[in-house]
Amino acid sequence: MQPESSGPEPSEPVPRSGIPRATTILLALAGATVAAFGIAAIQGIFTPVFLALVIIICVHPMRRWMQRHGVPRGIGTGTTIAAGFAVLIGLSVVLLAALAQFSALLPQYAPQLQQLGESIAQLLESAGFGSEQAQTVQQALTPGRIIEFITGLLGNITGMIGVLVIILTMLILMAVDGGRMAALLTHLQPHRPAMATAFSGFAVDVRRYTVATTILGAAQGLFNWLVLFLLQVPGAMAWGVLSFICSFIPNIGYFIAIIPPLVFGALSGGWPVVFAVIVIYGVINSVIQSIIQPKYIGNAVSLSETLTFVSVLFWAVILGPVGAILAVPLTLLVRTILLDSDPSKVWRRALTGDKKDIEAALKLEDDAIRARRARRRPDRPHRDGTQQE
């Protein structure tokens, strides 16, 4: 007679590793740390290469459309290269024009900036901060320090030329290799179907996210530029471009984009302009981030809000400001490599924010909440005056 089981038996045995779980976790964290420091060490190469990859992924549908219509492979490759160059040149021209306007604007408002710095320093001293901290803030609000800060973010001219050369070279090489990508995935499908599906899904998710964010960010930047121009805020075009760039930074991009318009709005028009900028930027950000963007992007990235915010901070530390802009595609790549390409780990996508596997459980929770809310309601009388049971 067999003893009675104390609980349900698992449907299949769970494989156990010979290494303790704590050791496995520590080894994984150690490997992730080494990889992070390694990427940070080669960020001058890694960042432009990944940026070129994102651009090629976004323009790749042009090649597929041309192939479906019988266009030769060479013409498709040349068109892809030209489209990638056009995207990169367009972004560079807009960015340089905004920087030129910003650099020309700073000397004109040097006295106002100095007065603003003195006011902030006095406010800090009255709040109990030391004179050294207040003096540091005052010195930071000078045209020279601001230009030095912007230059530090972008790097020197030689570094920028080197980055552009890497991006342009990788655009050409990736466009050539992209002509064989469909055949490569077809070859990979029988041997590693999960890997082929994972990388195909990664390309689709990155393309959908980047294209939709670009279109919505451009619309947001144009609208902000128009509003700031009507409010006569100095440097309206520069702040519109900044708003477009910051639209790629989830959660915190809005707070970065609004700071310069607030400062120069206060210098030019006082508190009424500041209040108008806060209201208009807040409305635009709320509509695009909460209504329009989820509708067009949907659940493409399937990343939780917490993970998205942490990824922005993480990649900004590893790769600098460009890392914050590329945080979502980079996180999608990491998930593709570590989870999606391994069938035994796909279930862990739910931990990163994918709701597909837990929709049934979430629906049950919502039904239970509605049922409890219905039971707590007081009895409502019928129209004939009797109580509803």
Protein backbone atom coordinates (compact mmCIF):
# COMPACT_ATOMS: atom_id res chain seq x y z
CA MET A 1 0.00 0.00 0.00
CA GLN A 2 1.54 3.25 -1.14
CA PRO A 3 1.56 6.29 1.11
CA GLU A 4 -0.92 8.99 0.32
CA SER A 5 0.55 11.92 -1.60
CA SER A 6 0.59 15.25 0.21
CA GLY A 7 0.18 17.32 -2.95
CA PRO A 8 -0.01 17.21 -6.71
CA GLU A 9 2.98 15.77 -8.45
CA PRO A 10 4.70 17.80 -11.15
CA SER A 11 3.78 16.92 -14.70
CA GLU A 12 7.42 16.50 -15.64
CA PRO A 13 10.64 16.46 -13.63
CA VAL A 14 12.42 19.77 -13.23
CA PRO A 15 16.08 19.45 -14.25
CA ARG A 16 18.49 20.28 -11.48
CA SER A 17 21.94 21.67 -12.03
CA GLY A 18 24.87 20.42 -10.02
CA ILE A 19 25.78 24.04 -9.17
CA PRO A 20 23.87 25.61 -6.25
CA ARG A 21 21.38 28.29 -7.21
CA ALA A 22 23.18 30.99 -5.20
CA THR A 23 26.42 30.21 -7.02
CA THR A 24 24.64 30.34 -10.38
CA ILE A 25 23.15 33.74 -9.56
CA LEU A 26 26.50 35.12 -8.43
CA LEU A 27 28.22 33.80 -11.57
CA ALA A 28 25.51 35.34 -13.75
CA LEU A 29 25.87 38.70 -12.00
CA ALA A 30 29.65 38.53 -12.32
CA GLY A 31 29.38 37.74 -16.04
CA ALA A 32 26.89 40.58 -16.56
CA THR A 33 29.23 42.98 -14.74
CA VAL A 34 32.19 41.97 -16.88
CA ALA A 35 30.09 42.31 -20.04
CA ALA A 36 28.84 45.75 -18.96
CA PHE A 37 32.34 47.03 -18.24
CA GLY A 38 33.53 45.54 -21.53
CA ILE A 39 30.80 47.32 -23.50
CA ALA A 40 31.56 50.56 -21.66
CA ALA A 41 35.24 50.20 -22.56
CA ILE A 42 34.46 49.94 -26.28
CA GLN A 43 31.50 52.33 -26.36
CA GLY A 44 33.22 54.37 -29.06
CA ILE A 45 32.81 51.35 -31.36
CA PHE A 46 29.74 49.65 -29.92
CA THR A 47 27.44 52.70 -29.98
CA PRO A 48 27.87 53.69 -33.66
CA VAL A 49 27.70 50.03 -34.76
CA PHE A 50 24.43 49.47 -32.91
CA LEU A 51 23.04 52.78 -34.17
CA ALA A 52 23.84 51.71 -37.72
CA LEU A 53 22.09 48.39 -37.05
CA VAL A 54 18.94 50.19 -35.89
CA ILE A 55 18.94 52.40 -39.00
CA ILE A 56 19.37 49.40 -41.32
CA ILE A 57 16.57 47.52 -39.55
CA CYS A 58 14.27 50.52 -40.05
CA VAL A 59 14.96 50.89 -43.80
CA HIS A 60 15.10 47.14 -44.54
CA PRO A 61 11.39 46.91 -45.56
CA MET A 62 12.29 48.93 -48.67
CA ARG A 63 14.53 46.08 -49.82
CA ARG A 64 11.83 43.47 -49.20
CA TRP A 65 9.27 45.53 -51.15
CA MET A 66 11.66 45.86 -54.09
CA GLN A 67 12.48 42.15 -54.06
CA ARG A 68 8.77 41.27 -54.11
CA HIS A 69 8.42 43.42 -57.23
CA GLY A 70 11.35 41.80 -59.02
CA VAL A 71 13.97 44.52 -58.51
CA PRO A 72 17.54 43.13 -58.74
CA ARG A 73 19.38 42.51 -55.50
CA GLY A 74 22.09 45.08 -56.26
CA ILE A 75 19.60 47.89 -56.79
CA GLY A 76 17.84 46.94 -53.55
CA THR A 77 21.15 47.08 -51.69
CA GLY A 78 22.03 50.47 -53.17
CA THR A 79 18.61 51.86 -52.30
CA THR A 80 18.96 50.61 -48.71
CA ILE A 81 22.36 52.28 -48.40
CA ALA A 82 21.01 55.55 -49.82
CA ALA A 83 18.04 55.49 -47.44
CA GLY A 84 20.33 54.86 -44.46
CA PHE A 85 22.60 57.72 -45.53
CA ALA A 86 19.58 60.02 -45.94
CA VAL A 87 18.35 59.24 -42.43
CA LEU A 88 21.77 59.84 -40.90
CA ILE A 89 22.47 63.03 -42.87
CA GLY A 90 19.01 64.42 -42.10
CA LEU A 91 19.43 63.86 -38.38
CA SER A 92 22.94 65.36 -38.44
CA VAL A 93 21.85 68.49 -40.31
CA VAL A 94 18.93 69.13 -37.96
CA LEU A 95 21.10 68.57 -34.89
CA LEU A 96 23.89 70.84 -36.13
CA ALA A 97 21.42 73.59 -37.02
CA ALA A 98 19.91 73.43 -33.53
CA LEU A 99 23.36 73.51 -31.92
CA ALA A 100 24.34 76.51 -34.05
CA GLN A 101 21.24 78.41 -32.96
CA PHE A 102 21.88 77.50 -29.34
CA SER A 103 25.53 78.62 -29.50
CA ALA A 104 24.54 81.93 -31.05
CA LEU A 105 21.81 82.44 -28.46
CA LEU A 106 23.90 82.03 -25.30
CA PRO A 107 26.06 85.20 -25.57
CA GLN A 108 22.94 87.32 -26.12
CA TYR A 109 21.53 86.27 -22.75
CA ALA A 110 24.79 86.18 -20.79
CA PRO A 111 23.75 89.01 -18.39
CA GLN A 112 20.36 87.44 -17.72
CA LEU A 113 21.96 84.05 -17.10
CA GLN A 114 24.43 85.61 -14.68
CA GLN A 115 21.60 87.37 -12.84
CA LEU A 116 19.62 84.11 -12.72
CA GLY A 117 22.65 82.30 -11.31
CA GLU A 118 23.08 84.94 -8.61
CA SER A 119 19.40 84.68 -7.66
CA ILE A 120 19.60 80.90 -7.41
CA ALA A 121 22.81 81.13 -5.37
CA GLN A 122 21.19 83.53 -2.91
CA LEU A 123 18.15 81.28 -2.66
CA LEU A 124 20.34 78.27 -1.91
CA GLU A 125 22.31 80.15 0.75
CA SER A 126 19.10 81.30 2.41
CA ALA A 127 17.88 77.67 2.39
CA GLY A 128 20.95 76.57 4.36
CA PHE A 129 23.33 75.41 1.63
CA GLY A 130 26.98 76.31 1.89
CA SER A 131 28.50 79.18 -0.06
CA GLU A 132 30.67 76.76 -2.07
CA GLN A 133 27.66 74.83 -3.38
CA ALA A 134 25.85 78.06 -4.22
CA GLN A 135 28.93 79.39 -5.98
CA THR A 136 29.18 76.20 -8.04
CA VAL A 137 25.61 76.59 -9.24
CA GLN A 138 26.20 80.24 -10.07
CA GLN A 139 29.32 79.45 -12.09
CA ALA A 140 27.47 76.69 -13.97
CA LEU A 141 24.94 79.19 -15.37
CA THR A 142 27.40 80.95 -17.64
CA PRO A 143 27.62 80.63 -21.44
CA GLY A 144 31.15 79.24 -21.27
CA ARG A 145 30.27 76.48 -18.80
CA ILE A 146 27.10 75.56 -20.69
CA ILE A 147 28.94 75.28 -24.02
CA GLU A 148 31.67 73.28 -22.30
CA PHE A 149 29.04 70.90 -20.93
CA ILE A 150 27.41 70.43 -24.36
CA THR A 151 30.82 69.89 -25.95
CA GLY A 152 31.64 67.27 -23.35
CA LEU A 153 28.45 65.39 -24.21
CA LEU A 154 29.08 65.44 -27.96
CA GLY A 155 32.85 65.05 -27.90
CA ASN A 156 35.38 66.92 -30.02
CA ILE A 157 35.24 67.30 -33.79
CA THR A 158 37.72 64.48 -34.38
CA GLY A 159 35.66 62.09 -32.28
CA MET A 160 32.44 63.04 -34.08
CA ILE A 161 34.05 62.51 -37.49
CA GLY A 162 35.31 59.12 -36.36
CA VAL A 163 31.84 58.11 -35.19
CA LEU A 164 30.29 59.22 -38.49
CA VAL A 165 32.88 57.24 -40.45
CA ILE A 166 32.08 54.10 -38.44
CA ILE A 167 28.35 54.58 -38.90
CA LEU A 168 28.60 55.19 -42.64
CA THR A 169 30.91 52.19 -43.12
CA MET A 170 28.64 49.92 -41.10
CA LEU A 171 25.60 51.13 -43.04
CA ILE A 172 27.23 49.99 -46.26
CA LEU A 173 28.40 46.64 -44.90
CA MET A 174 25.15 45.85 -43.08
CA ALA A 175 23.12 46.77 -46.17
CA VAL A 176 25.17 44.33 -48.23
CA ASP A 177 24.82 41.58 -45.62
CA GLY A 178 21.11 42.36 -45.27
CA GLY A 179 20.54 40.99 -48.76
CA ARG A 180 21.38 37.53 -47.41
CA MET A 181 19.45 37.83 -44.16
CA ALA A 182 16.27 36.13 -45.40
CA ALA A 183 18.27 33.17 -46.74
CA LEU A 184 20.26 33.00 -43.49
CA LEU A 185 17.11 32.84 -41.36
CA THR A 186 15.66 30.19 -43.66
CA HIS A 187 18.83 28.16 -43.21
CA LEU A 188 18.75 28.67 -39.46
CA GLN A 189 15.08 27.71 -39.05
CA PRO A 190 15.49 23.87 -39.16
CA HIS A 191 18.52 23.90 -36.86
CA ARG A 192 17.65 26.66 -34.37
CA PRO A 193 14.00 27.61 -34.91
CA ALA A 194 13.73 29.53 -31.63
CA MET A 195 16.78 31.62 -32.46
CA ALA A 196 15.53 32.42 -35.97
CA THR A 197 12.12 33.40 -34.63
CA ALA A 198 13.68 35.46 -31.83
CA PHE A 199 15.89 37.57 -34.10
CA SER A 200 13.09 38.05 -36.63
CA GLY A 201 10.86 39.26 -33.79
CA PHE A 202 13.62 41.53 -32.52
CA ALA A 203 13.89 43.24 -35.90
CA VAL A 204 10.12 43.71 -36.09
CA ASP A 205 9.89 45.11 -32.54
CA VAL A 206 12.82 47.51 -33.01
CA ARG A 207 11.46 48.72 -36.35
CA ARG A 208 7.97 49.24 -35.01
CA TYR A 209 9.20 51.06 -31.91
CA THR A 210 11.78 53.24 -33.69
CA VAL A 211 9.63 54.25 -36.64
CA ALA A 212 6.58 55.03 -34.49
CA THR A 213 8.65 56.95 -31.93
CA THR A 214 10.39 58.89 -34.71
CA ILE A 215 7.12 59.95 -36.33
CA LEU A 216 5.46 60.88 -33.05
CA GLY A 217 8.62 62.57 -31.76
CA ALA A 218 8.91 64.63 -34.95
CA ALA A 219 5.29 65.71 -34.62
CA GLN A 220 5.86 66.56 -30.97
CA GLY A 221 9.02 68.53 -31.78
CA LEU A 222 7.32 70.50 -34.58
CA PHE A 223 4.36 71.35 -32.39
CA ASN A 224 6.60 72.41 -29.50
CA TRP A 225 8.69 74.55 -31.86
CA LEU A 226 5.55 76.26 -33.17
CA VAL A 227 4.23 76.93 -29.66
CA LEU A 228 7.57 78.27 -28.40
CA PHE A 229 7.87 80.43 -31.53
CA LEU A 230 4.44 81.93 -30.86
CA LEU A 231 5.39 82.50 -27.22
CA GLN A 232 8.59 84.21 -28.47
CA VAL A 233 10.83 81.91 -26.43
CA PRO A 234 14.44 82.30 -27.66
CA GLY A 235 15.90 79.26 -29.41
CA ALA A 236 12.53 77.72 -30.28
CA MET A 237 14.00 75.53 -33.05
CA ALA A 238 16.73 74.19 -30.79
CA TRP A 239 14.21 73.26 -28.11
CA GLY A 240 11.96 71.61 -30.71
CA VAL A 241 14.89 69.44 -31.82
CA LEU A 242 15.70 68.67 -28.18
CA SER A 243 12.09 67.62 -27.64
CA PHE A 244 12.34 65.28 -30.66
CA ILE A 245 15.55 63.69 -29.39
CA CYS A 246 14.25 63.32 -25.85
CA SER A 247 11.11 61.55 -27.12
CA PHE A 248 13.36 58.48 -27.50
CA ILE A 249 14.16 58.55 -23.77
CA PRO A 250 11.26 56.87 -21.97
CA ASN A 251 9.86 58.29 -18.73
CA ILE A 252 12.42 61.06 -18.18
CA GLY A 253 12.83 62.57 -21.65
CA TYR A 254 10.02 65.05 -21.03
CA PHE A 255 11.72 66.45 -17.91
CA ILE A 256 14.98 66.92 -19.80
CA ALA A 257 13.34 68.62 -22.79
CA ILE A 258 11.36 71.12 -20.74
CA ILE A 259 14.27 72.62 -18.76
CA PRO A 260 15.83 74.91 -21.43
CA PRO A 261 12.48 76.37 -22.60
CA LEU A 262 11.61 77.11 -18.98
CA VAL A 263 14.92 78.90 -18.38
CA PHE A 264 14.87 81.01 -21.54
CA GLY A 265 11.12 81.56 -21.24
CA ALA A 266 11.70 82.99 -17.77
CA LEU A 267 14.50 85.20 -19.11
CA SER A 268 12.42 86.54 -22.00
CA GLY A 269 8.83 86.64 -20.74
CA GLY A 270 8.75 85.94 -17.04
CA TRP A 271 6.36 83.69 -15.13
CA PRO A 272 3.43 83.83 -17.62
CA VAL A 273 5.62 82.26 -20.31
CA VAL A 274 6.96 79.69 -17.84
CA PHE A 275 3.43 78.69 -16.86
CA ALA A 276 2.37 78.45 -20.53
CA VAL A 277 5.36 76.23 -21.37
CA ILE A 278 4.64 73.90 -18.43
CA VAL A 279 0.97 73.54 -19.38
CA ILE A 280 1.54 73.08 -23.12
CA TYR A 281 4.46 70.68 -22.75
CA GLY A 282 2.51 68.72 -20.15
CA VAL A 283 -0.56 68.41 -22.38
CA ILE A 284 1.47 67.40 -25.44
CA ASN A 285 3.50 64.88 -23.47
CA SER A 286 0.38 63.38 -21.85
CA VAL A 287 -1.48 63.01 -25.15
CA ILE A 288 1.43 61.48 -27.06
CA GLN A 289 2.89 59.30 -24.30
CA SER A 290 -0.41 58.10 -22.80
CA ILE A 291 -2.85 57.97 -25.75
CA ILE A 292 -1.27 58.12 -29.21
CA GLN A 293 1.98 56.22 -28.64
CA PRO A 294 0.42 53.15 -26.94
CA LYS A 295 -2.16 52.96 -29.73
CA TYR A 296 0.39 52.88 -32.54
CA ILE A 297 3.19 51.00 -30.79
CA GLY A 298 0.88 48.71 -28.80
CA ASN A 299 2.59 45.91 -26.93
CA ALA A 300 5.49 45.67 -29.38
CA VAL A 301 8.30 46.09 -26.88
CA SER A 302 6.50 44.26 -24.02
CA LEU A 303 8.71 45.86 -21.37
CA SER A 304 7.41 46.86 -17.97
CA GLU A 305 7.56 50.51 -16.97
CA THR A 306 10.02 49.74 -14.18
CA LEU A 307 12.36 47.80 -16.45
CA THR A 308 12.17 50.52 -19.10
CA PHE A 309 13.14 53.21 -16.60
CA VAL A 310 15.97 51.12 -15.14
CA SER A 311 17.23 50.34 -18.65
CA VAL A 312 17.45 54.07 -19.43
CA LEU A 313 19.58 54.65 -16.33
CA PHE A 314 21.70 51.56 -16.95
CA TRP A 315 22.53 52.21 -20.60
CA ALA A 316 23.11 55.91 -19.90
CA VAL A 317 25.80 54.92 -17.39
CA ILE A 318 27.33 52.38 -19.79
CA LEU A 319 27.17 54.30 -23.08
CA GLY A 320 26.48 57.90 -22.11
CA PRO A 321 23.60 60.04 -23.44
CA VAL A 322 23.24 57.95 -26.62
CA GLY A 323 22.72 54.90 -24.40
CA ALA A 324 19.63 56.52 -22.91
CA ILE A 325 18.26 57.13 -26.42
CA LEU A 326 18.95 53.53 -27.51
CA ALA A 327 17.91 52.00 -24.17
CA VAL A 328 14.77 50.21 -25.44
CA PRO A 329 16.38 48.60 -28.54
CA LEU A 330 19.41 47.57 -26.47
CA THR A 331 17.21 45.99 -23.80
CA LEU A 332 15.23 44.17 -26.50
CA LEU A 333 18.50 42.80 -27.89
CA VAL A 334 19.57 41.53 -24.47
CA ARG A 335 16.20 39.84 -23.96
CA THR A 336 16.38 38.30 -27.43
CA ILE A 337 19.79 36.80 -26.74
CA LEU A 338 19.19 35.62 -23.17
CA LEU A 339 15.51 34.60 -23.22
CA ASP A 340 13.82 34.48 -26.61
CA SER A 341 16.49 32.43 -28.37
CA ASP A 342 16.31 29.68 -25.70
CA PRO A 343 12.99 27.74 -25.69
CA SER A 344 13.51 26.69 -22.06
CA LYS A 345 13.63 30.34 -20.91
CA VAL A 346 10.86 31.92 -23.00
CA TRP A 347 8.49 31.73 -20.01
CA ARG A 348 10.66 34.32 -18.27
CA ARG A 349 9.50 37.02 -20.71
CA ALA A 350 6.62 37.63 -18.31
CA LEU A 351 9.16 38.85 -15.75
CA THR A 352 10.25 41.59 -18.19
CA GLY A 353 6.72 42.90 -18.76
CA ASP A 354 5.25 40.66 -21.49
CA LYS A 355 1.59 40.21 -20.53
CA LYS A 356 0.74 37.56 -23.12
CA ASP A 357 1.24 34.58 -20.81
CA ILE A 358 -0.47 36.16 -17.80
CA GLU A 359 -3.50 37.71 -19.50
CA ALA A 360 -5.75 34.93 -18.21
CA ALA A 361 -4.54 35.43 -14.62
CA LEU A 362 -4.96 39.19 -14.90
CA LYS A 363 -8.49 38.72 -16.23
CA LEU A 364 -9.35 36.46 -13.30
CA GLU A 365 -8.02 39.08 -10.87
CA ASP A 366 -10.07 41.83 -12.55
CA ASP A 367 -13.20 39.65 -12.45
CA ALA A 368 -12.64 38.93 -8.76
CA ILE A 369 -12.19 42.65 -8.02
CA ARG A 370 -15.40 43.50 -9.86
CA ALA A 371 -17.23 40.72 -8.02
CA ARG A 372 -16.06 41.99 -4.61
CA ARG A 373 -17.01 45.54 -5.56
CA ALA A 374 -20.47 44.37 -6.59
CA ARG A 375 -20.97 42.55 -3.26
CA ARG A 376 -20.04 45.68 -1.29
CA ARG A 377 -22.61 47.87 -3.02
CA PRO A 378 -25.72 48.62 -0.97
CA ASP A 379 -28.94 47.03 -2.10
CA ARG A 380 -30.66 49.18 -4.68
CA PRO A 381 -34.47 49.47 -4.64
CA HIS A 382 -36.39 48.45 -7.72
CA ARG A 383 -38.63 50.95 -9.43
CA ASP A 384 -41.65 49.42 -7.65
CA GLY A 385 -40.03 50.20 -4.27
CA THR A 386 -38.91 46.65 -3.36
CA GLN A 387 -35.29 45.92 -2.47
CA GLN A 388 -33.01 44.26 -5.05
CA GLU A 389 -31.57 40.97 -3.82
